[in-house]
Amino acid sequence: SHHGVVIFAMLLVSLLLLIEARRYRFFD
């Protein structure tokens, strides 16, 4: 398994973070 899988996981976590930040503004 290539170490790029971990970097890809960082990108996916960042995408979910952007979505969650938008939801948090409504929640707030």
mmCIF file of all heavy atoms, coordinates in Angstrom:
data_MODEL
# 
_entry.id   MODEL 
# 
loop_
_atom_site.group_PDB 
_atom_site.id 
_atom_site.type_symbol 
_atom_site.label_atom_id 
_atom_site.label_alt_id 
_atom_site.label_comp_id 
_atom_site.label_asym_id 
_atom_site.label_entity_id 
_atom_site.label_seq_id 
_atom_site.pdbx_PDB_ins_code 
_atom_site.Cartn_x 
_atom_site.Cartn_y 
_atom_site.Cartn_z 
_atom_site.occupancy 
_atom_site.B_iso_or_equiv 
_atom_site.pdbx_formal_charge 
_atom_site.auth_seq_id 
_atom_site.auth_comp_id 
_atom_site.auth_asym_id 
_atom_site.auth_atom_id 
_atom_site.pdbx_PDB_model_num 
ATOM 1   N N   . SER A 1 1  ? 0.849   -1.196 0.000  1.00 0.00 ? 1  SER A N   1 
ATOM 2   C CA  . SER A 1 1  ? 0.000   0.000  0.000  1.00 0.00 ? 1  SER A CA  1 
ATOM 3   C C   . SER A 1 1  ? 0.883   1.243  0.000  1.00 0.00 ? 1  SER A C   1 
ATOM 4   O O   . SER A 1 1  ? 1.821   1.371  0.786  1.00 0.00 ? 1  SER A O   1 
ATOM 5   C CB  . SER A 1 1  ? -0.920  -0.005 1.215  1.00 0.00 ? 1  SER A CB  1 
ATOM 6   O OG  . SER A 1 1  ? -1.701  1.165  1.254  1.00 0.00 ? 1  SER A OG  1 
ATOM 7   N N   . HIS A 1 2  ? 0.585   2.178  -0.886 1.00 0.00 ? 2  HIS A N   1 
ATOM 8   C CA  . HIS A 1 2  ? 1.397   3.385  -1.046 1.00 0.00 ? 2  HIS A CA  1 
ATOM 9   C C   . HIS A 1 2  ? 1.110   4.383  0.075  1.00 0.00 ? 2  HIS A C   1 
ATOM 10  O O   . HIS A 1 2  ? -0.014  4.444  0.604  1.00 0.00 ? 2  HIS A O   1 
ATOM 11  C CB  . HIS A 1 2  ? 1.094   4.026  -2.403 1.00 0.00 ? 2  HIS A CB  1 
ATOM 12  C CG  . HIS A 1 2  ? 2.134   4.999  -2.855 1.00 0.00 ? 2  HIS A CG  1 
ATOM 13  N ND1 . HIS A 1 2  ? 2.073   6.333  -2.541 1.00 0.00 ? 2  HIS A ND1 1 
ATOM 14  C CD2 . HIS A 1 2  ? 3.269   4.823  -3.589 1.00 0.00 ? 2  HIS A CD2 1 
ATOM 15  C CE1 . HIS A 1 2  ? 3.121   6.955  -3.066 1.00 0.00 ? 2  HIS A CE1 1 
ATOM 16  N NE2 . HIS A 1 2  ? 3.864   6.067  -3.715 1.00 0.00 ? 2  HIS A NE2 1 
ATOM 17  N N   . HIS A 1 3  ? 2.129   5.168  0.445  1.00 0.00 ? 3  HIS A N   1 
ATOM 18  C CA  . HIS A 1 3  ? 1.923   6.180  1.489  1.00 0.00 ? 3  HIS A CA  1 
ATOM 19  C C   . HIS A 1 3  ? 0.973   7.280  1.020  1.00 0.00 ? 3  HIS A C   1 
ATOM 20  O O   . HIS A 1 3  ? 0.446   8.053  1.836  1.00 0.00 ? 3  HIS A O   1 
ATOM 21  C CB  . HIS A 1 3  ? 3.268   6.796  1.891  1.00 0.00 ? 3  HIS A CB  1 
ATOM 22  C CG  . HIS A 1 3  ? 3.855   7.717  0.865  1.00 0.00 ? 3  HIS A CG  1 
ATOM 23  N ND1 . HIS A 1 3  ? 3.572   9.068  0.818  1.00 0.00 ? 3  HIS A ND1 1 
ATOM 24  C CD2 . HIS A 1 3  ? 4.712   7.487  -0.166 1.00 0.00 ? 3  HIS A CD2 1 
ATOM 25  C CE1 . HIS A 1 3  ? 4.216   9.629  -0.183 1.00 0.00 ? 3  HIS A CE1 1 
ATOM 26  N NE2 . HIS A 1 3  ? 4.923   8.695  -0.805 1.00 0.00 ? 3  HIS A NE2 1 
ATOM 27  N N   . GLY A 1 4  ? 0.726   7.349  -0.288 1.00 0.00 ? 4  GLY A N   1 
ATOM 28  C CA  . GLY A 1 4  ? -0.233  8.323  -0.796 1.00 0.00 ? 4  GLY A CA  1 
ATOM 29  C C   . GLY A 1 4  ? -1.642  8.083  -0.285 1.00 0.00 ? 4  GLY A C   1 
ATOM 30  O O   . GLY A 1 4  ? -2.471  8.996  -0.313 1.00 0.00 ? 4  GLY A O   1 
ATOM 31  N N   . VAL A 1 5  ? -1.920  6.865  0.199  1.00 0.00 ? 5  VAL A N   1 
ATOM 32  C CA  . VAL A 1 5  ? -3.235  6.587  0.782  1.00 0.00 ? 5  VAL A CA  1 
ATOM 33  C C   . VAL A 1 5  ? -3.461  7.467  2.007  1.00 0.00 ? 5  VAL A C   1 
ATOM 34  O O   . VAL A 1 5  ? -4.565  7.983  2.235  1.00 0.00 ? 5  VAL A O   1 
ATOM 35  C CB  . VAL A 1 5  ? -3.360  5.095  1.138  1.00 0.00 ? 5  VAL A CB  1 
ATOM 36  C CG1 . VAL A 1 5  ? -4.662  4.816  1.872  1.00 0.00 ? 5  VAL A CG1 1 
ATOM 37  C CG2 . VAL A 1 5  ? -3.260  4.240  -0.110 1.00 0.00 ? 5  VAL A CG2 1 
ATOM 38  N N   . VAL A 1 6  ? -2.412  7.673  2.801  1.00 0.00 ? 6  VAL A N   1 
ATOM 39  C CA  . VAL A 1 6  ? -2.544  8.521  3.983  1.00 0.00 ? 6  VAL A CA  1 
ATOM 40  C C   . VAL A 1 6  ? -2.746  9.979  3.578  1.00 0.00 ? 6  VAL A C   1 
ATOM 41  O O   . VAL A 1 6  ? -3.547  10.705 4.186  1.00 0.00 ? 6  VAL A O   1 
ATOM 42  C CB  . VAL A 1 6  ? -1.305  8.366  4.887  1.00 0.00 ? 6  VAL A CB  1 
ATOM 43  C CG1 . VAL A 1 6  ? -1.459  9.210  6.150  1.00 0.00 ? 6  VAL A CG1 1 
ATOM 44  C CG2 . VAL A 1 6  ? -1.074  6.918  5.249  1.00 0.00 ? 6  VAL A CG2 1 
ATOM 45  N N   . ILE A 1 7  ? -2.031  10.425 2.557  1.00 0.00 ? 7  ILE A N   1 
ATOM 46  C CA  . ILE A 1 7  ? -2.233  11.794 2.066  1.00 0.00 ? 7  ILE A CA  1 
ATOM 47  C C   . ILE A 1 7  ? -3.644  11.960 1.509  1.00 0.00 ? 7  ILE A C   1 
ATOM 48  O O   . ILE A 1 7  ? -4.288  13.001 1.697  1.00 0.00 ? 7  ILE A O   1 
ATOM 49  C CB  . ILE A 1 7  ? -1.171  12.128 1.002  1.00 0.00 ? 7  ILE A CB  1 
ATOM 50  C CG1 . ILE A 1 7  ? 0.220   12.094 1.624  1.00 0.00 ? 7  ILE A CG1 1 
ATOM 51  C CG2 . ILE A 1 7  ? -1.450  13.483 0.367  1.00 0.00 ? 7  ILE A CG2 1 
ATOM 52  C CD1 . ILE A 1 7  ? 1.341   12.406 0.660  1.00 0.00 ? 7  ILE A CD1 1 
ATOM 53  N N   . PHE A 1 8  ? -4.143  10.930 0.839  1.00 0.00 ? 8  PHE A N   1 
ATOM 54  C CA  . PHE A 1 8  ? -5.522  10.972 0.348  1.00 0.00 ? 8  PHE A CA  1 
ATOM 55  C C   . PHE A 1 8  ? -6.496  11.061 1.521  1.00 0.00 ? 8  PHE A C   1 
ATOM 56  O O   . PHE A 1 8  ? -7.519  11.765 1.437  1.00 0.00 ? 8  PHE A O   1 
ATOM 57  C CB  . PHE A 1 8  ? -5.796  9.721  -0.486 1.00 0.00 ? 8  PHE A CB  1 
ATOM 58  C CG  . PHE A 1 8  ? -7.175  9.643  -1.056 1.00 0.00 ? 8  PHE A CG  1 
ATOM 59  C CD1 . PHE A 1 8  ? -7.605  10.538 -2.015 1.00 0.00 ? 8  PHE A CD1 1 
ATOM 60  C CD2 . PHE A 1 8  ? -8.075  8.671  -0.618 1.00 0.00 ? 8  PHE A CD2 1 
ATOM 61  C CE1 . PHE A 1 8  ? -8.882  10.476 -2.541 1.00 0.00 ? 8  PHE A CE1 1 
ATOM 62  C CE2 . PHE A 1 8  ? -9.349  8.600  -1.135 1.00 0.00 ? 8  PHE A CE2 1 
ATOM 63  C CZ  . PHE A 1 8  ? -9.762  9.508  -2.098 1.00 0.00 ? 8  PHE A CZ  1 
ATOM 64  N N   . ALA A 1 9  ? -6.180  10.379 2.617  1.00 0.00 ? 9  ALA A N   1 
ATOM 65  C CA  . ALA A 1 9  ? -7.032  10.475 3.805  1.00 0.00 ? 9  ALA A CA  1 
ATOM 66  C C   . ALA A 1 9  ? -7.026  11.896 4.362  1.00 0.00 ? 9  ALA A C   1 
ATOM 67  O O   . ALA A 1 9  ? -8.071  12.401 4.824  1.00 0.00 ? 9  ALA A O   1 
ATOM 68  C CB  . ALA A 1 9  ? -6.558  9.489  4.864  1.00 0.00 ? 9  ALA A CB  1 
ATOM 69  N N   . MET A 1 10 ? -5.887  12.565 4.333  1.00 0.00 ? 10 MET A N   1 
ATOM 70  C CA  . MET A 1 10 ? -5.831  13.967 4.770  1.00 0.00 ? 10 MET A CA  1 
ATOM 71  C C   . MET A 1 10 ? -6.750  14.844 3.927  1.00 0.00 ? 10 MET A C   1 
ATOM 72  O O   . MET A 1 10 ? -7.433  15.737 4.456  1.00 0.00 ? 10 MET A O   1 
ATOM 73  C CB  . MET A 1 10 ? -4.397  14.482 4.679  1.00 0.00 ? 10 MET A CB  1 
ATOM 74  C CG  . MET A 1 10 ? -3.407  13.793 5.583  1.00 0.00 ? 10 MET A CG  1 
ATOM 75  S SD  . MET A 1 10 ? -1.721  14.423 5.303  1.00 0.00 ? 10 MET A SD  1 
ATOM 76  C CE  . MET A 1 10 ? -0.746  13.309 6.325  1.00 0.00 ? 10 MET A CE  1 
ATOM 77  N N   . LEU A 1 11 ? -6.763  14.596 2.613  1.00 0.00 ? 11 LEU A N   1 
ATOM 78  C CA  . LEU A 1 11 ? -7.620  15.391 1.727  1.00 0.00 ? 11 LEU A CA  1 
ATOM 79  C C   . LEU A 1 11 ? -9.097  15.134 2.011  1.00 0.00 ? 11 LEU A C   1 
ATOM 80  O O   . LEU A 1 11 ? -9.916  16.063 2.025  1.00 0.00 ? 11 LEU A O   1 
ATOM 81  C CB  . LEU A 1 11 ? -7.297  15.074 0.268  1.00 0.00 ? 11 LEU A CB  1 
ATOM 82  C CG  . LEU A 1 11 ? -5.895  15.453 -0.210 1.00 0.00 ? 11 LEU A CG  1 
ATOM 83  C CD1 . LEU A 1 11 ? -5.699  15.011 -1.654 1.00 0.00 ? 11 LEU A CD1 1 
ATOM 84  C CD2 . LEU A 1 11 ? -5.659  16.947 -0.075 1.00 0.00 ? 11 LEU A CD2 1 
ATOM 85  N N   . LEU A 1 12 ? -9.454  13.874 2.248  1.00 0.00 ? 12 LEU A N   1 
ATOM 86  C CA  . LEU A 1 12 ? -10.850 13.552 2.535  1.00 0.00 ? 12 LEU A CA  1 
ATOM 87  C C   . LEU A 1 12 ? -11.291 14.154 3.867  1.00 0.00 ? 12 LEU A C   1 
ATOM 88  O O   . LEU A 1 12 ? -12.419 14.661 3.990  1.00 0.00 ? 12 LEU A O   1 
ATOM 89  C CB  . LEU A 1 12 ? -11.050 12.041 2.544  1.00 0.00 ? 12 LEU A CB  1 
ATOM 90  C CG  . LEU A 1 12 ? -11.029 11.345 1.182  1.00 0.00 ? 12 LEU A CG  1 
ATOM 91  C CD1 . LEU A 1 12 ? -11.262 9.844  1.353  1.00 0.00 ? 12 LEU A CD1 1 
ATOM 92  C CD2 . LEU A 1 12 ? -12.079 11.927 0.256  1.00 0.00 ? 12 LEU A CD2 1 
ATOM 93  N N   . VAL A 1 13 ? -10.424 14.102 4.863  1.00 0.00 ? 13 VAL A N   1 
ATOM 94  C CA  . VAL A 1 13 ? -10.742 14.719 6.150  1.00 0.00 ? 13 VAL A CA  1 
ATOM 95  C C   . VAL A 1 13 ? -10.940 16.222 5.979  1.00 0.00 ? 13 VAL A C   1 
ATOM 96  O O   . VAL A 1 13 ? -11.840 16.822 6.580  1.00 0.00 ? 13 VAL A O   1 
ATOM 97  C CB  . VAL A 1 13 ? -9.630  14.414 7.175  1.00 0.00 ? 13 VAL A CB  1 
ATOM 98  C CG1 . VAL A 1 13 ? -9.802  15.264 8.429  1.00 0.00 ? 13 VAL A CG1 1 
ATOM 99  C CG2 . VAL A 1 13 ? -9.661  12.948 7.563  1.00 0.00 ? 13 VAL A CG2 1 
ATOM 100 N N   . SER A 1 14 ? -10.119 16.846 5.138  1.00 0.00 ? 14 SER A N   1 
ATOM 101 C CA  . SER A 1 14 ? -10.269 18.283 4.882  1.00 0.00 ? 14 SER A CA  1 
ATOM 102 C C   . SER A 1 14 ? -11.604 18.587 4.213  1.00 0.00 ? 14 SER A C   1 
ATOM 103 O O   . SER A 1 14 ? -12.250 19.596 4.528  1.00 0.00 ? 14 SER A O   1 
ATOM 104 C CB  . SER A 1 14 ? -9.118  18.775 4.006  1.00 0.00 ? 14 SER A CB  1 
ATOM 105 O OG  . SER A 1 14 ? -7.874  18.542 4.632  1.00 0.00 ? 14 SER A OG  1 
ATOM 106 N N   . LEU A 1 15 ? -12.027 17.728 3.286  1.00 0.00 ? 15 LEU A N   1 
ATOM 107 C CA  . LEU A 1 15 ? -13.326 17.928 2.640  1.00 0.00 ? 15 LEU A CA  1 
ATOM 108 C C   . LEU A 1 15 ? -14.459 17.835 3.646  1.00 0.00 ? 15 LEU A C   1 
ATOM 109 O O   . LEU A 1 15 ? -15.375 18.678 3.659  1.00 0.00 ? 15 LEU A O   1 
ATOM 110 C CB  . LEU A 1 15 ? -13.514 16.888 1.532  1.00 0.00 ? 15 LEU A CB  1 
ATOM 111 C CG  . LEU A 1 15 ? -14.881 16.885 0.830  1.00 0.00 ? 15 LEU A CG  1 
ATOM 112 C CD1 . LEU A 1 15 ? -15.139 18.210 0.139  1.00 0.00 ? 15 LEU A CD1 1 
ATOM 113 C CD2 . LEU A 1 15 ? -14.967 15.735 -0.171 1.00 0.00 ? 15 LEU A CD2 1 
ATOM 114 N N   . LEU A 1 16 ? -14.418 16.846 4.520  1.00 0.00 ? 16 LEU A N   1 
ATOM 115 C CA  . LEU A 1 16 ? -15.446 16.708 5.549  1.00 0.00 ? 16 LEU A CA  1 
ATOM 116 C C   . LEU A 1 16 ? -15.397 17.870 6.535  1.00 0.00 ? 16 LEU A C   1 
ATOM 117 O O   . LEU A 1 16 ? -16.436 18.316 7.034  1.00 0.00 ? 16 LEU A O   1 
ATOM 118 C CB  . LEU A 1 16 ? -15.275 15.380 6.285  1.00 0.00 ? 16 LEU A CB  1 
ATOM 119 C CG  . LEU A 1 16 ? -15.559 14.129 5.449  1.00 0.00 ? 16 LEU A CG  1 
ATOM 120 C CD1 . LEU A 1 16 ? -15.181 12.861 6.212  1.00 0.00 ? 16 LEU A CD1 1 
ATOM 121 C CD2 . LEU A 1 16 ? -17.031 14.075 5.039  1.00 0.00 ? 16 LEU A CD2 1 
ATOM 122 N N   . LEU A 1 17 ? -14.203 18.383 6.801  1.00 0.00 ? 17 LEU A N   1 
ATOM 123 C CA  . LEU A 1 17 ? -14.079 19.545 7.683  1.00 0.00 ? 17 LEU A CA  1 
ATOM 124 C C   . LEU A 1 17 ? -14.756 20.767 7.082  1.00 0.00 ? 17 LEU A C   1 
ATOM 125 O O   . LEU A 1 17 ? -15.447 21.519 7.786  1.00 0.00 ? 17 LEU A O   1 
ATOM 126 C CB  . LEU A 1 17 ? -12.598 19.824 7.934  1.00 0.00 ? 17 LEU A CB  1 
ATOM 127 C CG  . LEU A 1 17 ? -12.262 21.124 8.666  1.00 0.00 ? 17 LEU A CG  1 
ATOM 128 C CD1 . LEU A 1 17 ? -12.864 21.126 10.068 1.00 0.00 ? 17 LEU A CD1 1 
ATOM 129 C CD2 . LEU A 1 17 ? -10.753 21.321 8.736  1.00 0.00 ? 17 LEU A CD2 1 
ATOM 130 N N   . LEU A 1 18 ? -14.588 20.993 5.789  1.00 0.00 ? 18 LEU A N   1 
ATOM 131 C CA  . LEU A 1 18 ? -15.233 22.121 5.132  1.00 0.00 ? 18 LEU A CA  1 
ATOM 132 C C   . LEU A 1 18 ? -16.752 22.002 5.193  1.00 0.00 ? 18 LEU A C   1 
ATOM 133 O O   . LEU A 1 18 ? -17.460 22.992 5.411  1.00 0.00 ? 18 LEU A O   1 
ATOM 134 C CB  . LEU A 1 18 ? -14.763 22.213 3.680  1.00 0.00 ? 18 LEU A CB  1 
ATOM 135 C CG  . LEU A 1 18 ? -13.276 22.525 3.463  1.00 0.00 ? 18 LEU A CG  1 
ATOM 136 C CD1 . LEU A 1 18 ? -12.948 22.475 1.973  1.00 0.00 ? 18 LEU A CD1 1 
ATOM 137 C CD2 . LEU A 1 18 ? -12.910 23.875 4.051  1.00 0.00 ? 18 LEU A CD2 1 
ATOM 138 N N   . ILE A 1 19 ? -17.259 20.791 5.009  1.00 0.00 ? 19 ILE A N   1 
ATOM 139 C CA  . ILE A 1 19 ? -18.707 20.570 5.098  1.00 0.00 ? 19 ILE A CA  1 
ATOM 140 C C   . ILE A 1 19 ? -19.199 20.818 6.516  1.00 0.00 ? 19 ILE A C   1 
ATOM 141 O O   . ILE A 1 19 ? -20.235 21.449 6.742  1.00 0.00 ? 19 ILE A O   1 
ATOM 142 C CB  . ILE A 1 19 ? -19.054 19.138 4.638  1.00 0.00 ? 19 ILE A CB  1 
ATOM 143 C CG1 . ILE A 1 19 ? -18.696 18.947 3.163  1.00 0.00 ? 19 ILE A CG1 1 
ATOM 144 C CG2 . ILE A 1 19 ? -20.533 18.837 4.874  1.00 0.00 ? 19 ILE A CG2 1 
ATOM 145 C CD1 . ILE A 1 19 ? -18.861 17.522 2.674  1.00 0.00 ? 19 ILE A CD1 1 
ATOM 146 N N   . GLU A 1 20 ? -18.438 20.328 7.479  1.00 0.00 ? 20 GLU A N   1 
ATOM 147 C CA  . GLU A 1 20 ? -18.863 20.479 8.872  1.00 0.00 ? 20 GLU A CA  1 
ATOM 148 C C   . GLU A 1 20 ? -18.827 21.934 9.326  1.00 0.00 ? 20 GLU A C   1 
ATOM 149 O O   . GLU A 1 20 ? -19.673 22.369 10.113 1.00 0.00 ? 20 GLU A O   1 
ATOM 150 C CB  . GLU A 1 20 ? -17.976 19.627 9.777  1.00 0.00 ? 20 GLU A CB  1 
ATOM 151 C CG  . GLU A 1 20 ? -18.413 19.637 11.231 1.00 0.00 ? 20 GLU A CG  1 
ATOM 152 C CD  . GLU A 1 20 ? -17.761 18.549 12.039 1.00 0.00 ? 20 GLU A CD  1 
ATOM 153 O OE1 . GLU A 1 20 ? -17.597 17.432 11.515 1.00 0.00 ? 20 GLU A OE1 1 
ATOM 154 O OE2 . GLU A 1 20 ? -17.425 18.797 13.205 1.00 0.00 ? 20 GLU A OE2 1 
ATOM 155 N N   . ALA A 1 21 ? -17.855 22.691 8.849  1.00 0.00 ? 21 ALA A N   1 
ATOM 156 C CA  . ALA A 1 21 ? -17.790 24.110 9.215  1.00 0.00 ? 21 ALA A CA  1 
ATOM 157 C C   . ALA A 1 21 ? -19.023 24.857 8.716  1.00 0.00 ? 21 ALA A C   1 
ATOM 158 O O   . ALA A 1 21 ? -19.558 25.728 9.415  1.00 0.00 ? 21 ALA A O   1 
ATOM 159 C CB  . ALA A 1 21 ? -16.519 24.735 8.651  1.00 0.00 ? 21 ALA A CB  1 
ATOM 160 N N   . ARG A 1 22 ? -19.481 24.515 7.520  1.00 0.00 ? 22 ARG A N   1 
ATOM 161 C CA  . ARG A 1 22 ? -20.699 25.143 6.995  1.00 0.00 ? 22 ARG A CA  1 
ATOM 162 C C   . ARG A 1 22 ? -21.897 24.764 7.859  1.00 0.00 ? 22 ARG A C   1 
ATOM 163 O O   . ARG A 1 22 ? -22.725 25.624 8.199  1.00 0.00 ? 22 ARG A O   1 
ATOM 164 C CB  . ARG A 1 22 ? -20.933 24.706 5.550  1.00 0.00 ? 22 ARG A CB  1 
ATOM 165 C CG  . ARG A 1 22 ? -22.227 25.232 4.943  1.00 0.00 ? 22 ARG A CG  1 
ATOM 166 C CD  . ARG A 1 22 ? -22.446 24.689 3.546  1.00 0.00 ? 22 ARG A CD  1 
ATOM 167 N NE  . ARG A 1 22 ? -23.742 25.108 3.023  1.00 0.00 ? 22 ARG A NE  1 
ATOM 168 C CZ  . ARG A 1 22 ? -24.886 24.456 3.265  1.00 0.00 ? 22 ARG A CZ  1 
ATOM 169 N NH1 . ARG A 1 22 ? -24.884 23.378 4.038  1.00 0.00 ? 22 ARG A NH1 1 
ATOM 170 N NH2 . ARG A 1 22 ? -26.026 24.900 2.750  1.00 0.00 ? 22 ARG A NH2 1 
ATOM 171 N N   . ARG A 1 23 ? -22.006 23.510 8.237  1.00 0.00 ? 23 ARG A N   1 
ATOM 172 C CA  . ARG A 1 23 ? -23.119 23.087 9.086  1.00 0.00 ? 23 ARG A CA  1 
ATOM 173 C C   . ARG A 1 23 ? -23.052 23.744 10.464 1.00 0.00 ? 23 ARG A C   1 
ATOM 174 O O   . ARG A 1 23 ? -24.084 24.073 11.058 1.00 0.00 ? 23 ARG A O   1 
ATOM 175 C CB  . ARG A 1 23 ? -23.104 21.560 9.225  1.00 0.00 ? 23 ARG A CB  1 
ATOM 176 C CG  . ARG A 1 23 ? -23.405 20.821 7.931  1.00 0.00 ? 23 ARG A CG  1 
ATOM 177 C CD  . ARG A 1 23 ? -23.334 19.317 8.129  1.00 0.00 ? 23 ARG A CD  1 
ATOM 178 N NE  . ARG A 1 23 ? -23.748 18.603 6.920  1.00 0.00 ? 23 ARG A NE  1 
ATOM 179 C CZ  . ARG A 1 23 ? -23.822 17.284 6.820  1.00 0.00 ? 23 ARG A CZ  1 
ATOM 180 N NH1 . ARG A 1 23 ? -23.495 16.517 7.846  1.00 0.00 ? 23 ARG A NH1 1 
ATOM 181 N NH2 . ARG A 1 23 ? -24.224 16.727 5.684  1.00 0.00 ? 23 ARG A NH2 1 
ATOM 182 N N   . TYR A 1 24 ? -21.853 23.934 10.944 1.00 0.00 ? 24 TYR A N   1 
ATOM 183 C CA  . TYR A 1 24 ? -21.698 24.533 12.273 1.00 0.00 ? 24 TYR A CA  1 
ATOM 184 C C   . TYR A 1 24 ? -22.207 25.964 12.303 1.00 0.00 ? 24 TYR A C   1 
ATOM 185 O O   . TYR A 1 24 ? -22.737 26.419 13.325 1.00 0.00 ? 24 TYR A O   1 
ATOM 186 C CB  . TYR A 1 24 ? -20.222 24.488 12.674 1.00 0.00 ? 24 TYR A CB  1 
ATOM 187 C CG  . TYR A 1 24 ? -19.966 25.007 14.069 1.00 0.00 ? 24 TYR A CG  1 
ATOM 188 C CD1 . TYR A 1 24 ? -20.126 24.177 15.178 1.00 0.00 ? 24 TYR A CD1 1 
ATOM 189 C CD2 . TYR A 1 24 ? -19.584 26.329 14.275 1.00 0.00 ? 24 TYR A CD2 1 
ATOM 190 C CE1 . TYR A 1 24 ? -19.893 24.656 16.458 1.00 0.00 ? 24 TYR A CE1 1 
ATOM 191 C CE2 . TYR A 1 24 ? -19.355 26.809 15.550 1.00 0.00 ? 24 TYR A CE2 1 
ATOM 192 C CZ  . TYR A 1 24 ? -19.509 25.966 16.636 1.00 0.00 ? 24 TYR A CZ  1 
ATOM 193 O OH  . TYR A 1 24 ? -19.285 26.436 17.907 1.00 0.00 ? 24 TYR A OH  1 
ATOM 194 N N   . ARG A 1 25 ? -22.075 26.690 11.209 1.00 0.00 ? 25 ARG A N   1 
ATOM 195 C CA  . ARG A 1 25 ? -22.567 28.062 11.179 1.00 0.00 ? 25 ARG A CA  1 
ATOM 196 C C   . ARG A 1 25 ? -24.087 28.101 11.340 1.00 0.00 ? 25 ARG A C   1 
ATOM 197 O O   . ARG A 1 25 ? -24.621 28.984 12.025 1.00 0.00 ? 25 ARG A O   1 
ATOM 198 C CB  . ARG A 1 25 ? -22.158 28.735 9.870  1.00 0.00 ? 25 ARG A CB  1 
ATOM 199 C CG  . ARG A 1 25 ? -20.668 28.889 9.681  1.00 0.00 ? 25 ARG A CG  1 
ATOM 200 C CD  . ARG A 1 25 ? -20.362 29.633 8.393  1.00 0.00 ? 25 ARG A CD  1 
ATOM 201 N NE  . ARG A 1 25 ? -20.644 31.059 8.514  1.00 0.00 ? 25 ARG A NE  1 
ATOM 202 C CZ  . ARG A 1 25 ? -20.715 31.892 7.492  1.00 0.00 ? 25 ARG A CZ  1 
ATOM 203 N NH1 . ARG A 1 25 ? -20.565 31.428 6.249  1.00 0.00 ? 25 ARG A NH1 1 
ATOM 204 N NH2 . ARG A 1 25 ? -20.961 33.171 7.673  1.00 0.00 ? 25 ARG A NH2 1 
ATOM 205 N N   . PHE A 1 26 ? -24.793 27.164 10.710 1.00 0.00 ? 26 PHE A N   1 
ATOM 206 C CA  . PHE A 1 26 ? -26.240 27.086 10.895 1.00 0.00 ? 26 PHE A CA  1 
ATOM 207 C C   . PHE A 1 26 ? -26.577 26.689 12.331 1.00 0.00 ? 26 PHE A C   1 
ATOM 208 O O   . PHE A 1 26 ? -27.469 27.267 12.954 1.00 0.00 ? 26 PHE A O   1 
ATOM 209 C CB  . PHE A 1 26 ? -26.839 26.065 9.918  1.00 0.00 ? 26 PHE A CB  1 
ATOM 210 C CG  . PHE A 1 26 ? -26.947 26.557 8.511  1.00 0.00 ? 26 PHE A CG  1 
ATOM 211 C CD1 . PHE A 1 26 ? -25.956 26.279 7.587  1.00 0.00 ? 26 PHE A CD1 1 
ATOM 212 C CD2 . PHE A 1 26 ? -28.040 27.302 8.097  1.00 0.00 ? 26 PHE A CD2 1 
ATOM 213 C CE1 . PHE A 1 26 ? -26.042 26.727 6.277  1.00 0.00 ? 26 PHE A CE1 1 
ATOM 214 C CE2 . PHE A 1 26 ? -28.144 27.754 6.790  1.00 0.00 ? 26 PHE A CE2 1 
ATOM 215 C CZ  . PHE A 1 26 ? -27.138 27.471 5.879  1.00 0.00 ? 26 PHE A CZ  1 
ATOM 216 N N   . PHE A 1 27 ? -25.865 25.706 12.844 1.00 0.00 ? 27 PHE A N   1 
ATOM 217 C CA  . PHE A 1 27 ? -26.097 25.264 14.219 1.00 0.00 ? 27 PHE A CA  1 
ATOM 218 C C   . PHE A 1 27 ? -25.891 26.405 15.200 1.00 0.00 ? 27 PHE A C   1 
ATOM 219 O O   . PHE A 1 27 ? -26.653 26.556 16.161 1.00 0.00 ? 27 PHE A O   1 
ATOM 220 C CB  . PHE A 1 27 ? -25.155 24.096 14.542 1.00 0.00 ? 27 PHE A CB  1 
ATOM 221 C CG  . PHE A 1 27 ? -25.003 23.818 16.015 1.00 0.00 ? 27 PHE A CG  1 
ATOM 222 C CD1 . PHE A 1 27 ? -25.973 23.114 16.706 1.00 0.00 ? 27 PHE A CD1 1 
ATOM 223 C CD2 . PHE A 1 27 ? -23.884 24.267 16.707 1.00 0.00 ? 27 PHE A CD2 1 
ATOM 224 C CE1 . PHE A 1 27 ? -25.833 22.862 18.055 1.00 0.00 ? 27 PHE A CE1 1 
ATOM 225 C CE2 . PHE A 1 27 ? -23.736 24.021 18.044 1.00 0.00 ? 27 PHE A CE2 1 
ATOM 226 C CZ  . PHE A 1 27 ? -24.713 23.310 18.727 1.00 0.00 ? 27 PHE A CZ  1 
ATOM 227 N N   . ASP A 1 28 ? -24.890 27.237 14.978 1.00 0.00 ? 28 ASP A N   1 
ATOM 228 C CA  . ASP A 1 28 ? -24.572 28.315 15.903 1.00 0.00 ? 28 ASP A CA  1 
ATOM 229 C C   . ASP A 1 28 ? -25.677 29.355 15.965 1.00 0.00 ? 28 ASP A C   1 
ATOM 230 O O   . ASP A 1 28 ? -25.904 29.964 17.019 1.00 0.00 ? 28 ASP A O   1 
ATOM 231 C CB  . ASP A 1 28 ? -23.255 28.969 15.475 1.00 0.00 ? 28 ASP A CB  1 
ATOM 232 C CG  . ASP A 1 28 ? -22.750 29.956 16.506 1.00 0.00 ? 28 ASP A CG  1 
ATOM 233 O OD1 . ASP A 1 28 ? -22.404 29.528 17.623 1.00 0.00 ? 28 ASP A OD1 1 
ATOM 234 O OD2 . ASP A 1 28 ? -22.707 31.163 16.193 1.00 0.00 ? 28 ASP A OD2 1 
# 
